[in-house]
């Protein structure tokens, strides 16, 4: 899932750019589904491990240990590609 956010120094790309970057690496729409959501004025709690703009709650240790980086590495591996943690720095 993705949501549109204002670009920051840590996350400099808008929603469309992030979607395009993911789709460029994983063109098979059946293998990787990209869903975005909007929440204008909604009261929404997303269960997260760190603050990204929604209500922060305390998760159990097992859930807290889930790593998006590890998930990305697994997806790259399953697609026969090498994961590059600095790929976002190479995008123009």
Protein backbone atom coordinates (compact mmCIF):
# COMPACT_ATOMS: atom_id res chain seq x y z
CA UNK A 1 0.00 0.00 0.00
CA UNK A 2 1.12 3.49 -0.73
CA UNK A 3 -0.20 6.90 0.17
CA UNK A 4 0.53 10.27 -1.30
CA UNK A 5 2.78 12.36 0.93
CA UNK A 6 4.67 15.58 0.57
CA UNK A 7 8.29 14.98 -0.49
CA UNK A 8 10.88 15.23 2.28
CA UNK A 9 14.65 14.93 2.35
CA UNK A 10 14.34 11.31 3.51
CA UNK A 11 11.49 10.50 1.08
CA UNK A 12 11.98 12.85 -1.90
CA UNK A 13 9.56 11.20 -4.35
CA UNK A 14 5.85 11.75 -4.79
CA UNK A 15 3.36 8.89 -5.10
CA UNK A 16 3.51 8.64 -8.90
CA UNK A 17 7.32 8.56 -8.94
CA UNK A 18 7.42 5.84 -6.24
CA UNK A 19 4.81 3.82 -8.13
CA UNK A 20 6.82 4.16 -11.36
CA UNK A 21 10.06 3.12 -9.62
CA UNK A 22 8.41 -0.02 -8.21
CA UNK A 23 6.72 -0.87 -11.50
CA UNK A 24 10.00 -0.41 -13.40
CA UNK A 25 11.61 -3.10 -11.23
CA UNK A 26 8.52 -5.33 -11.01
CA UNK A 27 6.55 -4.94 -14.28
CA UNK A 28 4.37 -8.03 -13.69
CA UNK A 29 1.17 -6.55 -12.26
CA UNK A 30 0.09 -10.00 -11.09
CA UNK A 31 3.27 -10.51 -9.05
CA UNK A 32 3.38 -7.10 -7.36
CA UNK A 33 0.13 -5.25 -6.78
CA UNK A 34 0.45 -1.55 -5.93
CA UNK A 35 -2.49 -0.12 -4.03
CA UNK A 36 -2.73 3.48 -2.94
CA UNK A 37 -5.21 4.96 -0.51
CA UNK A 38 -6.47 8.41 0.34
CA UNK A 39 -7.70 9.49 3.74
CA UNK A 40 -8.75 13.14 3.60
CA UNK A 41 -10.41 13.97 6.91
CA UNK A 42 -10.70 10.31 7.85
CA UNK A 43 -9.92 9.04 11.28
CA UNK A 44 -7.53 6.28 10.37
CA UNK A 45 -5.20 4.23 12.50
CA UNK A 46 -2.54 2.24 10.69
CA UNK A 47 -0.64 -0.31 12.74
CA UNK A 48 2.95 0.71 12.27
CA UNK A 49 6.28 0.40 14.04
CA UNK A 50 7.32 4.00 13.75
CA UNK A 51 5.61 7.34 13.21
CA UNK A 52 4.81 8.09 9.55
CA UNK A 53 1.88 10.42 10.05
CA UNK A 54 -0.75 8.27 11.73
CA UNK A 55 -1.57 7.28 15.26
CA UNK A 56 1.37 5.46 16.81
CA UNK A 57 0.56 2.37 18.84
CA UNK A 58 2.76 -0.14 20.60
CA UNK A 59 3.06 -3.41 18.70
CA UNK A 60 4.01 -6.78 20.02
CA UNK A 61 7.65 -7.82 19.58
CA UNK A 62 6.94 -10.28 16.74
CA UNK A 63 5.08 -7.68 14.69
CA UNK A 64 7.65 -5.00 15.50
CA UNK A 65 10.40 -7.25 14.10
CA UNK A 66 8.88 -7.23 10.58
CA UNK A 67 11.31 -5.48 8.24
CA UNK A 68 10.18 -3.82 5.01
CA UNK A 69 13.80 -3.99 3.84
CA UNK A 70 13.79 -7.77 4.33
CA UNK A 71 10.50 -7.99 2.43
CA UNK A 72 11.95 -5.93 -0.44
CA UNK A 73 15.06 -8.14 -0.53
CA UNK A 74 12.84 -11.23 -0.69
CA UNK A 75 10.75 -9.77 -3.53
CA UNK A 76 13.86 -8.88 -5.49
CA UNK A 77 15.29 -12.36 -4.93
CA UNK A 78 12.08 -14.04 -6.06
CA UNK A 79 12.16 -11.88 -9.20
CA UNK A 80 15.78 -12.93 -9.87
CA UNK A 81 17.08 -9.41 -9.21
CA UNK A 82 19.70 -8.03 -6.86
CA UNK A 83 18.43 -5.64 -4.18
CA UNK A 84 20.19 -2.26 -4.16
CA UNK A 85 19.47 -0.28 -0.97
CA UNK A 86 20.76 2.89 -2.66
CA UNK A 87 18.65 2.62 -5.82
CA UNK A 88 16.60 5.68 -4.87
CA UNK A 89 19.79 7.77 -4.99
CA UNK A 90 20.32 6.83 -8.64
CA UNK A 91 16.88 7.98 -9.85
CA UNK A 92 16.92 11.26 -11.76
